């Protein structure tokens, strides 16, 4: 199993191929309502997963814990981390801040986030997400939250050029139910939701899924509650020495997604880009140096 600087969910996912059939059944049960699923008694987790108590004990030992109490203690720490506000996050970093300039410390944290995230993301899942987004038979709806709306807007701006049928839904607006009026079964919903997870975004995803929408979730290492509704969940690490979480790794995913979808649709995308450039020339929006 991976090192203990990973979340329990990341450890389960990275070592999934080494698990027995019963342990895989238990792993699915833990991840289905993570991390709350493991906070009850051992007997309750075993019953809900349909496995024996010894199977639970073997699993937590494979994850690197001496026993079930240690496993639960780590889950509680992760739960506390999920709901930390900016002041608490800053205090946590300030207490244990290593020496060195903030430029170096911040950059090292971002690089570490990228390294861990890439180790956890399945290339097949990423490719499947890009294939769904490139399917022009269905519309794409892009949704972000209070802060993650910046990622949603960035992705929307590019996808609007790459392919037709793309909309940007603002979950912090009272008008977002209007955006669901024309949603159809099979439409793709790309949802950004990082801690602290937002009720409006969750409700929007629930309603989209109920209408037959296919949800692609971009979230953090603890995973938004929306992951239970998602067809594809792309998690990335976001912790840096700051009161605020970092969007650097999710932005890397977004820019890679833009590149991949553009390549899948290049012939049509090129024609759209040429038309757009002609419009820009007519408006004289950009200065040209000759």
C-alpha atoms as a PDB file:
ATOM      1  CA  UNK A   1       0.000   0.000   0.000  1.00  0.00           C
ATOM      2  CA  UNK A   2       1.105   3.638  -0.555  1.00  0.00           C
ATOM      3  CA  UNK A   3       2.720   5.857   2.045  1.00  0.00           C
ATOM      4  CA  UNK A   4       0.715   7.388   4.858  1.00  0.00           C
ATOM      5  CA  UNK A   5       0.809  10.922   3.411  1.00  0.00           C
ATOM      6  CA  UNK A   6      -2.095   9.823   1.214  1.00  0.00           C
ATOM      7  CA  UNK A   7      -5.708   9.861   2.310  1.00  0.00           C
ATOM      8  CA  UNK A   8      -7.292   6.516   3.128  1.00  0.00           C
ATOM      9  CA  UNK A   9      -9.348   6.734  -0.084  1.00  0.00           C
ATOM     10  CA  UNK A  10      -6.167   7.273  -2.113  1.00  0.00           C
ATOM     11  CA  UNK A  11      -4.498   4.321  -0.393  1.00  0.00           C
ATOM     12  CA  UNK A  12      -7.469   2.075  -1.158  1.00  0.00           C
ATOM     13  CA  UNK A  13      -7.564   3.138  -4.806  1.00  0.00           C
ATOM     14  CA  UNK A  14      -3.816   2.769  -5.369  1.00  0.00           C
ATOM     15  CA  UNK A  15      -3.744  -0.721  -3.837  1.00  0.00           C
ATOM     16  CA  UNK A  16      -7.070  -1.946  -5.194  1.00  0.00           C
ATOM     17  CA  UNK A  17      -5.504  -4.612  -7.424  1.00  0.00           C
ATOM     18  CA  UNK A  18      -3.845  -6.275  -4.413  1.00  0.00           C
ATOM     19  CA  UNK A  19      -7.129  -6.801  -2.531  1.00  0.00           C
ATOM     20  CA  UNK A  20      -9.052 -10.050  -2.275  1.00  0.00           C
ATOM     21  CA  UNK A  21     -12.631 -10.302  -3.543  1.00  0.00           C
ATOM     22  CA  UNK A  22     -14.068  -9.709  -0.045  1.00  0.00           C
ATOM     23  CA  UNK A  23     -11.678  -6.823   0.552  1.00  0.00           C
ATOM     24  CA  UNK A  24     -12.702  -5.206  -2.737  1.00  0.00           C
ATOM     25  CA  UNK A  25     -16.328  -5.514  -1.651  1.00  0.00           C
ATOM     26  CA  UNK A  26     -15.378  -3.786   1.605  1.00  0.00           C
ATOM     27  CA  UNK A  27     -13.396  -1.114  -0.272  1.00  0.00           C
ATOM     28  CA  UNK A  28     -16.434  -0.234  -2.387  1.00  0.00           C
ATOM     29  CA  UNK A  29     -18.545   0.043   0.778  1.00  0.00           C
ATOM     30  CA  UNK A  30     -16.004   2.375   2.416  1.00  0.00           C
ATOM     31  CA  UNK A  31     -15.674   4.611  -0.654  1.00  0.00           C
ATOM     32  CA  UNK A  32     -19.414   4.794  -1.295  1.00  0.00           C
ATOM     33  CA  UNK A  33     -20.014   7.108   1.675  1.00  0.00           C
ATOM     34  CA  UNK A  34     -16.455   8.123   2.496  1.00  0.00           C
ATOM     35  CA  UNK A  35     -15.314   9.004   5.120  1.00  0.00           C
ATOM     36  CA  UNK A  36     -18.498   8.612   7.195  1.00  0.00           C
ATOM     37  CA  UNK A  37     -18.783   4.926   6.267  1.00  0.00           C
ATOM     38  CA  UNK A  38     -15.885   3.987   8.547  1.00  0.00           C
ATOM     39  CA  UNK A  39     -16.793   6.087  11.579  1.00  0.00           C
ATOM     40  CA  UNK A  40     -19.229   3.577  13.100  1.00  0.00           C
ATOM     41  CA  UNK A  41     -18.489   0.295  14.896  1.00  0.00           C
ATOM     42  CA  UNK A  42     -16.451  -2.356  13.121  1.00  0.00           C
ATOM     43  CA  UNK A  43     -19.418  -4.728  13.194  1.00  0.00           C
ATOM     44  CA  UNK A  44     -21.626  -2.147  11.438  1.00  0.00           C
ATOM     45  CA  UNK A  45     -19.093  -1.613   8.638  1.00  0.00           C
ATOM     46  CA  UNK A  46     -18.711  -5.380   8.175  1.00  0.00           C
ATOM     47  CA  UNK A  47     -22.497  -5.824   8.072  1.00  0.00           C
ATOM     48  CA  UNK A  48     -23.042  -2.992   5.583  1.00  0.00           C
ATOM     49  CA  UNK A  49     -20.300  -4.353   3.317  1.00  0.00           C
ATOM     50  CA  UNK A  50     -21.493  -7.967   3.627  1.00  0.00           C
ATOM     51  CA  UNK A  51     -18.109  -9.196   4.885  1.00  0.00           C
ATOM     52  CA  UNK A  52     -16.733 -10.644   8.113  1.00  0.00           C
ATOM     53  CA  UNK A  53     -15.125  -8.766  10.983  1.00  0.00           C
ATOM     54  CA  UNK A  54     -11.702 -10.360  10.304  1.00  0.00           C
ATOM     55  CA  UNK A  55     -11.905  -9.093   6.708  1.00  0.00           C
ATOM     56  CA  UNK A  56     -12.260  -5.531   8.031  1.00  0.00           C
ATOM     57  CA  UNK A  57      -9.264  -6.015  10.340  1.00  0.00           C
ATOM     58  CA  UNK A  58      -7.118  -7.422   7.514  1.00  0.00           C
ATOM     59  CA  UNK A  59      -8.081  -4.496   5.306  1.00  0.00           C
ATOM     60  CA  UNK A  60      -7.158  -1.783   7.828  1.00  0.00           C
ATOM     61  CA  UNK A  61      -3.826  -3.536   8.436  1.00  0.00           C
ATOM     62  CA  UNK A  62      -3.155  -3.555   4.681  1.00  0.00           C
ATOM     63  CA  UNK A  63      -3.838   0.180   4.739  1.00  0.00           C
ATOM     64  CA  UNK A  64      -1.039   0.584   7.299  1.00  0.00           C
ATOM     65  CA  UNK A  65      -2.993   0.770  10.567  1.00  0.00           C
ATOM     66  CA  UNK A  66      -2.375  -1.289  13.699  1.00  0.00           C
ATOM     67  CA  UNK A  67      -6.106  -1.723  14.221  1.00  0.00           C
ATOM     68  CA  UNK A  68      -9.590  -0.363  13.644  1.00  0.00           C
ATOM     69  CA  UNK A  69      -9.307   2.453  16.267  1.00  0.00           C
ATOM     70  CA  UNK A  70      -6.242   3.875  14.456  1.00  0.00           C
ATOM     71  CA  UNK A  71      -8.104   3.622  11.144  1.00  0.00           C
ATOM     72  CA  UNK A  72     -11.051   5.563  12.608  1.00  0.00           C
ATOM     73  CA  UNK A  73      -8.778   8.182  14.160  1.00  0.00           C
ATOM     74  CA  UNK A  74      -7.302   8.899  10.726  1.00  0.00           C
ATOM     75  CA  UNK A  75     -10.770   9.134   9.193  1.00  0.00           C
ATOM     76  CA  UNK A  76     -11.769  11.680  11.853  1.00  0.00           C
ATOM     77  CA  UNK A  77      -8.650  13.738  11.050  1.00  0.00           C
ATOM     78  CA  UNK A  78      -9.594  13.678   7.365  1.00  0.00           C
ATOM     79  CA  UNK A  79     -13.129  14.728   8.225  1.00  0.00           C
ATOM     80  CA  UNK A  80     -11.804  17.676  10.237  1.00  0.00           C
ATOM     81  CA  UNK A  81      -9.554  18.621   7.319  1.00  0.00           C
ATOM     82  CA  UNK A  82     -12.517  18.619   4.923  1.00  0.00           C
ATOM     83  CA  UNK A  83     -14.365  21.300   6.870  1.00  0.00           C
ATOM     84  CA  UNK A  84     -11.475  23.565   7.868  1.00  0.00           C
ATOM     85  CA  UNK A  85     -12.091  27.248   7.272  1.00  0.00           C
ATOM     86  CA  UNK A  86      -9.327  29.518   5.888  1.00  0.00           C
ATOM     87  CA  UNK A  87      -8.230  30.772   9.341  1.00  0.00           C
ATOM     88  CA  UNK A  88      -7.827  27.233  10.681  1.00  0.00           C
ATOM     89  CA  UNK A  89      -5.876  26.217   7.578  1.00  0.00           C
ATOM     90  CA  UNK A  90      -3.500  29.170   7.979  1.00  0.00           C
ATOM     91  CA  UNK A  91      -2.927  28.440  11.676  1.00  0.00           C
ATOM     92  CA  UNK A  92      -2.146  24.814  10.848  1.00  0.00           C
ATOM     93  CA  UNK A  93       0.522  25.812   8.308  1.00  0.00           C
ATOM     94  CA  UNK A  94       1.946  28.602  10.483  1.00  0.00           C
ATOM     95  CA  UNK A  95       2.572  26.239  13.403  1.00  0.00           C
ATOM     96  CA  UNK A  96       4.599  23.761  11.364  1.00  0.00           C
ATOM     97  CA  UNK A  97       5.933  25.976   8.576  1.00  0.00           C
ATOM     98  CA  UNK A  98       9.390  24.859   7.398  1.00  0.00           C
ATOM     99  CA  UNK A  99      12.186  27.370   6.913  1.00  0.00           C
ATOM    100  CA  UNK A 100      12.822  28.950   3.536  1.00  0.00           C
ATOM    101  CA  UNK A 101      11.197  31.523   1.344  1.00  0.00           C
ATOM    102  CA  UNK A 102       7.462  31.226   0.687  1.00  0.00           C
ATOM    103  CA  UNK A 103       8.125  30.974  -3.060  1.00  0.00           C
ATOM    104  CA  UNK A 104      10.092  27.763  -2.494  1.00  0.00           C
ATOM    105  CA  UNK A 105       7.727  26.307   0.096  1.00  0.00           C
ATOM    106  CA  UNK A 106       4.627  27.040  -1.956  1.00  0.00           C
ATOM    107  CA  UNK A 107       6.171  25.674  -5.155  1.00  0.00           C
ATOM    108  CA  UNK A 108       7.296  22.503  -3.406  1.00  0.00           C
ATOM    109  CA  UNK A 109       3.776  21.974  -2.055  1.00  0.00           C
ATOM    110  CA  UNK A 110       2.227  22.442  -5.518  1.00  0.00           C
ATOM    111  CA  UNK A 111       4.721  20.045  -7.133  1.00  0.00           C
ATOM    112  CA  UNK A 112       3.989  17.506  -4.405  1.00  0.00           C
ATOM    113  CA  UNK A 113       0.255  17.928  -5.030  1.00  0.00           C
ATOM    114  CA  UNK A 114       0.733  17.351  -8.762  1.00  0.00           C
ATOM    115  CA  UNK A 115       2.911  14.277  -8.190  1.00  0.00           C
ATOM    116  CA  UNK A 116       0.423  12.646  -5.807  1.00  0.00           C
ATOM    117  CA  UNK A 117      -2.577  13.562  -7.972  1.00  0.00           C
ATOM    118  CA  UNK A 118      -1.097  12.118 -11.153  1.00  0.00           C
ATOM    119  CA  UNK A 119      -0.302   8.901  -9.295  1.00  0.00           C
ATOM    120  CA  UNK A 120      -3.953   8.550  -8.289  1.00  0.00           C
ATOM    121  CA  UNK A 121      -5.812   9.557 -11.464  1.00  0.00           C
ATOM    122  CA  UNK A 122      -6.564   6.658 -13.790  1.00  0.00           C
ATOM    123  CA  UNK A 123      -5.581   7.601 -17.365  1.00  0.00           C
ATOM    124  CA  UNK A 124      -8.538   5.551 -18.601  1.00  0.00           C
ATOM    125  CA  UNK A 125     -10.958   7.621 -16.504  1.00  0.00           C
ATOM    126  CA  UNK A 126      -9.433  10.864 -17.768  1.00  0.00           C
ATOM    127  CA  UNK A 127      -9.645   9.657 -21.380  1.00  0.00           C
ATOM    128  CA  UNK A 128     -13.259   8.596 -20.866  1.00  0.00           C
ATOM    129  CA  UNK A 129     -14.104  12.059 -19.493  1.00  0.00           C
ATOM    130  CA  UNK A 130     -12.542  13.736 -22.535  1.00  0.00           C
ATOM    131  CA  UNK A 131     -14.412  11.401 -24.886  1.00  0.00           C
ATOM    132  CA  UNK A 132     -17.717  12.292 -23.239  1.00  0.00           C
ATOM    133  CA  UNK A 133     -16.970  16.011 -23.519  1.00  0.00           C
ATOM    134  CA  UNK A 134     -16.019  15.594 -27.182  1.00  0.00           C
ATOM    135  CA  UNK A 135     -19.334  13.912 -28.028  1.00  0.00           C
ATOM    136  CA  UNK A 136     -21.153  16.692 -29.880  1.00  0.00           C
ATOM    137  CA  UNK A 137     -24.392  14.689 -29.928  1.00  0.00           C
ATOM    138  CA  UNK A 138     -24.893  15.901 -26.359  1.00  0.00           C
ATOM    139  CA  UNK A 139     -24.616  19.331 -24.757  1.00  0.00           C
ATOM    140  CA  UNK A 140     -21.995  20.124 -22.146  1.00  0.00           C
ATOM    141  CA  UNK A 141     -22.896  22.119 -19.025  1.00  0.00           C
ATOM    142  CA  UNK A 142     -20.038  23.460 -16.878  1.00  0.00           C
ATOM    143  CA  UNK A 143     -20.642  24.293 -13.199  1.00  0.00           C
ATOM    144  CA  UNK A 144     -18.431  25.772 -10.474  1.00  0.00           C
ATOM    145  CA  UNK A 145     -18.800  27.074  -6.950  1.00  0.00           C
ATOM    146  CA  UNK A 146     -17.897  30.219  -5.027  1.00  0.00           C
ATOM    147  CA  UNK A 147     -14.173  29.932  -5.831  1.00  0.00           C
ATOM    148  CA  UNK A 148     -14.024  27.051  -8.292  1.00  0.00           C
ATOM    149  CA  UNK A 149     -16.228  29.039 -10.700  1.00  0.00           C
ATOM    150  CA  UNK A 150     -12.933  30.482 -11.967  1.00  0.00           C
ATOM    151  CA  UNK A 151     -11.966  27.021 -13.229  1.00  0.00           C
ATOM    152  CA  UNK A 152     -15.444  26.532 -14.686  1.00  0.00           C
ATOM    153  CA  UNK A 153     -15.275  29.850 -16.558  1.00  0.00           C
ATOM    154  CA  UNK A 154     -11.797  29.082 -17.883  1.00  0.00           C
ATOM    155  CA  UNK A 155     -12.909  25.675 -19.167  1.00  0.00           C
ATOM    156  CA  UNK A 156     -16.114  27.140 -20.604  1.00  0.00           C
ATOM    157  CA  UNK A 157     -14.258  29.856 -22.522  1.00  0.00           C
ATOM    158  CA  UNK A 158     -12.141  27.251 -24.302  1.00  0.00           C
ATOM    159  CA  UNK A 159     -14.810  24.587 -24.786  1.00  0.00           C
ATOM    160  CA  UNK A 160     -17.112  27.176 -26.323  1.00  0.00           C
ATOM    161  CA  UNK A 161     -14.513  27.588 -29.082  1.00  0.00           C
ATOM    162  CA  UNK A 162     -13.688  23.894 -29.387  1.00  0.00           C
ATOM    163  CA  UNK A 163     -17.250  22.617 -29.846  1.00  0.00           C
ATOM    164  CA  UNK A 164     -20.871  23.812 -30.040  1.00  0.00           C
ATOM    165  CA  UNK A 165     -23.508  23.232 -27.386  1.00  0.00           C
ATOM    166  CA  UNK A 166     -21.617  24.371 -24.287  1.00  0.00           C
ATOM    167  CA  UNK A 167     -23.224  26.335 -21.440  1.00  0.00           C
ATOM    168  CA  UNK A 168     -21.877  27.821 -18.223  1.00  0.00           C
ATOM    169  CA  UNK A 169     -24.144  27.410 -15.187  1.00  0.00           C
ATOM    170  CA  UNK A 170     -23.481  29.591 -12.147  1.00  0.00           C
ATOM    171  CA  UNK A 171     -24.560  27.619  -9.081  1.00  0.00           C
ATOM    172  CA  UNK A 172     -24.299  30.714  -6.848  1.00  0.00           C
ATOM    173  CA  UNK A 173     -27.036  32.415  -8.860  1.00  0.00           C
ATOM    174  CA  UNK A 174     -30.744  32.031  -8.133  1.00  0.00           C
ATOM    175  CA  UNK A 175     -31.357  31.502 -11.841  1.00  0.00           C
ATOM    176  CA  UNK A 176     -29.531  28.174 -12.173  1.00  0.00           C
ATOM    177  CA  UNK A 177     -32.765  26.086 -12.143  1.00  0.00           C
ATOM    178  CA  UNK A 178     -33.608  27.881 -15.423  1.00  0.00           C
ATOM    179  CA  UNK A 179     -30.452  26.400 -16.916  1.00  0.00           C
ATOM    180  CA  UNK A 180     -31.746  22.887 -16.274  1.00  0.00           C
ATOM    181  CA  UNK A 181     -34.977  23.456 -18.211  1.00  0.00           C
ATOM    182  CA  UNK A 182     -33.418  22.464 -21.527  1.00  0.00           C
ATOM    183  CA  UNK A 183     -31.121  19.770 -20.164  1.00  0.00           C
ATOM    184  CA  UNK A 184     -31.678  16.421 -21.823  1.00  0.00           C
ATOM    185  CA  UNK A 185     -30.893  12.835 -20.933  1.00  0.00           C
ATOM    186  CA  UNK A 186     -27.269  12.115 -21.771  1.00  0.00           C
ATOM    187  CA  UNK A 187     -26.099  15.730 -21.424  1.00  0.00           C
ATOM    188  CA  UNK A 188     -22.680  16.087 -19.810  1.00  0.00           C
ATOM    189  CA  UNK A 189     -22.307  18.087 -16.579  1.00  0.00           C
ATOM    190  CA  UNK A 190     -18.747  19.016 -15.615  1.00  0.00           C
ATOM    191  CA  UNK A 191     -18.951  19.998 -11.948  1.00  0.00           C
ATOM    192  CA  UNK A 192     -16.183  21.610  -9.882  1.00  0.00           C
ATOM    193  CA  UNK A 193     -16.626  21.213  -6.121  1.00  0.00           C
ATOM    194  CA  UNK A 194     -13.765  21.648  -3.622  1.00  0.00           C
ATOM    195  CA  UNK A 195     -13.877  21.911   0.150  1.00  0.00           C
ATOM    196  CA  UNK A 196     -15.922  23.596   1.664  1.00  0.00           C
ATOM    197  CA  UNK A 197     -18.498  21.766  -0.458  1.00  0.00           C
ATOM    198  CA  UNK A 198     -21.506  23.850  -1.448  1.00  0.00           C
ATOM    199  CA  UNK A 199     -25.156  22.906  -1.006  1.00  0.00           C
ATOM    200  CA  UNK A 200     -26.271  24.653  -4.212  1.00  0.00           C
ATOM    201  CA  UNK A 201     -23.740  22.735  -6.287  1.00  0.00           C
ATOM    202  CA  UNK A 202     -24.798  19.434  -4.715  1.00  0.00           C
ATOM    203  CA  UNK A 203     -28.487  20.155  -5.329  1.00  0.00           C
ATOM    204  CA  UNK A 204     -27.760  21.135  -8.928  1.00  0.00           C
ATOM    205  CA  UNK A 205     -25.847  17.882  -9.490  1.00  0.00           C
ATOM    206  CA  UNK A 206     -28.681  15.873  -7.917  1.00  0.00           C
ATOM    207  CA  UNK A 207     -31.242  17.483 -10.198  1.00  0.00           C
ATOM    208  CA  UNK A 208     -29.003  17.064 -13.252  1.00  0.00           C
ATOM    209  CA  UNK A 209     -28.490  13.372 -12.499  1.00  0.00           C
ATOM    210  CA  UNK A 210     -32.234  12.913 -11.950  1.00  0.00           C
ATOM    211  CA  UNK A 211     -32.802  14.277 -15.468  1.00  0.00           C
ATOM    212  CA  UNK A 212     -30.406  11.725 -16.926  1.00  0.00           C
ATOM    213  CA  UNK A 213     -27.312  13.923 -16.950  1.00  0.00           C
ATOM    214  CA  UNK A 214     -23.876  12.313 -16.859  1.00  0.00           C
ATOM    215  CA  UNK A 215     -21.739  13.982 -14.197  1.00  0.00           C
ATOM    216  CA  UNK A 216     -17.969  14.467 -14.451  1.00  0.00           C
ATOM    217  CA  UNK A 217     -16.739  15.697 -11.068  1.00  0.00           C
ATOM    218  CA  UNK A 218     -13.489  17.607 -10.528  1.00  0.00           C
ATOM    219  CA  UNK A 219     -12.829  17.664  -6.781  1.00  0.00           C
ATOM    220  CA  UNK A 220     -10.154  17.494  -4.075  1.00  0.00           C
ATOM    221  CA  UNK A 221      -8.485  14.544  -2.355  1.00  0.00           C
ATOM    222  CA  UNK A 222     -11.337  14.168   0.146  1.00  0.00           C
ATOM    223  CA  UNK A 223     -13.928  14.075  -2.651  1.00  0.00           C
ATOM    224  CA  UNK A 224     -17.092  16.139  -2.706  1.00  0.00           C
ATOM    225  CA  UNK A 225     -20.369  14.379  -1.776  1.00  0.00           C
ATOM    226  CA  UNK A 226     -21.187  14.744  -5.473  1.00  0.00           C
ATOM    227  CA  UNK A 227     -18.858  11.811  -6.176  1.00  0.00           C
ATOM    228  CA  UNK A 228     -21.727   9.418  -5.426  1.00  0.00           C
ATOM    229  CA  UNK A 229     -23.622  10.969  -8.368  1.00  0.00           C
ATOM    230  CA  UNK A 230     -20.687  11.145 -10.760  1.00  0.00           C
ATOM    231  CA  UNK A 231     -19.903   8.806 -13.608  1.00  0.00           C
ATOM    232  CA  UNK A 232     -16.276   9.958 -13.533  1.00  0.00           C
ATOM    233  CA  UNK A 233     -14.535  11.549 -10.537  1.00  0.00           C
ATOM    234  CA  UNK A 234     -11.172  13.293 -10.996  1.00  0.00           C
ATOM    235  CA  UNK A 235      -9.577  14.072  -7.624  1.00  0.00           C
ATOM    236  CA  UNK A 236      -6.529  16.239  -7.038  1.00  0.00           C
ATOM    237  CA  UNK A 237      -4.629  17.464  -4.008  1.00  0.00           C
ATOM    238  CA  UNK A 238      -5.063  21.121  -3.085  1.00  0.00           C
ATOM    239  CA  UNK A 239      -3.232  21.749   0.230  1.00  0.00           C
ATOM    240  CA  UNK A 240      -0.544  24.463   0.265  1.00  0.00           C
ATOM    241  CA  UNK A 241       1.046  26.728   2.953  1.00  0.00           C
ATOM    242  CA  UNK A 242      -1.792  29.242   2.815  1.00  0.00           C
ATOM    243  CA  UNK A 243      -5.170  30.017   4.330  1.00  0.00           C
ATOM    244  CA  UNK A 244      -6.547  29.161   0.878  1.00  0.00           C
ATOM    245  CA  UNK A 245      -6.420  25.908  -1.023  1.00  0.00           C
ATOM    246  CA  UNK A 246      -4.545  25.784  -4.318  1.00  0.00           C
ATOM    247  CA  UNK A 247      -6.242  25.420  -7.696  1.00  0.00           C
ATOM    248  CA  UNK A 248      -2.935  24.719  -9.459  1.00  0.00           C
ATOM    249  CA  UNK A 249      -3.449  20.961  -9.789  1.00  0.00           C
ATOM    250  CA  UNK A 250      -7.134  21.176 -10.827  1.00  0.00           C
ATOM    251  CA  UNK A 251      -6.068  23.830 -13.364  1.00  0.00           C
ATOM    252  CA  UNK A 252      -3.484  21.396 -14.737  1.00  0.00           C
ATOM    253  CA  UNK A 253      -6.303  18.870 -15.218  1.00  0.00           C
ATOM    254  CA  UNK A 254      -8.467  21.496 -16.911  1.00  0.00           C
ATOM    255  CA  UNK A 255      -5.742  22.607 -19.331  1.00  0.00           C
ATOM    256  CA  UNK A 256      -4.884  18.999 -20.182  1.00  0.00           C
ATOM    257  CA  UNK A 257      -8.580  18.322 -20.762  1.00  0.00           C
ATOM    258  CA  UNK A 258      -8.786  21.310 -23.112  1.00  0.00           C
ATOM    259  CA  UNK A 259      -5.822  19.995 -25.085  1.00  0.00           C
ATOM    260  CA  UNK A 260      -7.205  16.438 -25.266  1.00  0.00           C
ATOM    261  CA  UNK A 261     -10.722  17.425 -26.367  1.00  0.00           C
ATOM    262  CA  UNK A 262      -9.319  19.883 -28.895  1.00  0.00           C
ATOM    263  CA  UNK A 263      -7.233  17.067 -30.415  1.00  0.00           C
ATOM    264  CA  UNK A 264     -10.281  14.764 -30.622  1.00  0.00           C
ATOM    265  CA  UNK A 265     -12.286  17.421 -32.486  1.00  0.00           C
ATOM    266  CA  UNK A 266      -9.462  19.208 -34.297  1.00  0.00           C
ATOM    267  CA  UNK A 267     -10.957  19.419 -37.807  1.00  0.00           C
ATOM    268  CA  UNK A 268     -14.181  21.031 -36.561  1.00  0.00           C
ATOM    269  CA  UNK A 269     -12.360  23.038 -33.912  1.00  0.00           C
ATOM    270  CA  UNK A 270      -9.977  24.495 -36.480  1.00  0.00           C
ATOM    271  CA  UNK A 271     -12.879  25.724 -38.608  1.00  0.00           C
ATOM    272  CA  UNK A 272     -14.528  27.276 -35.545  1.00  0.00           C
ATOM    273  CA  UNK A 273     -11.275  28.980 -34.563  1.00  0.00           C
ATOM    274  CA  UNK A 274     -10.794  30.371 -38.079  1.00  0.00           C
ATOM    275  CA  UNK A 275     -14.327  31.791 -38.016  1.00  0.00           C
ATOM    276  CA  UNK A 276     -13.740  33.285 -34.583  1.00  0.00           C
ATOM    277  CA  UNK A 277     -10.484  34.904 -35.716  1.00  0.00           C
ATOM    278  CA  UNK A 278     -12.317  36.493 -38.652  1.00  0.00           C
ATOM    279  CA  UNK A 279     -14.810  37.973 -36.187  1.00  0.00           C
ATOM    280  CA  UNK A 280     -11.994  39.280 -33.998  1.00  0.00           C
ATOM    281  CA  UNK A 281     -10.429  40.931 -37.047  1.00  0.00           C
ATOM    282  CA  UNK A 282     -13.707  42.679 -37.857  1.00  0.00           C
ATOM    283  CA  UNK A 283     -14.133  43.971 -34.313  1.00  0.00           C
ATOM    284  CA  UNK A 284     -10.454  45.008 -34.110  1.00  0.00           C
ATOM    285  CA  UNK A 285     -10.451  43.606 -30.596  1.00  0.00           C
ATOM    286  CA  UNK A 286      -6.752  42.725 -30.647  1.00  0.00           C
ATOM    287  CA  UNK A 287      -3.824  44.846 -31.749  1.00  0.00           C
ATOM    288  CA  UNK A 288      -1.715  43.404 -34.525  1.00  0.00           C
ATOM    289  CA  UNK A 289       1.973  44.133 -34.855  1.00  0.00           C
ATOM    290  CA  UNK A 290       3.427  43.833 -38.365  1.00  0.00           C
END
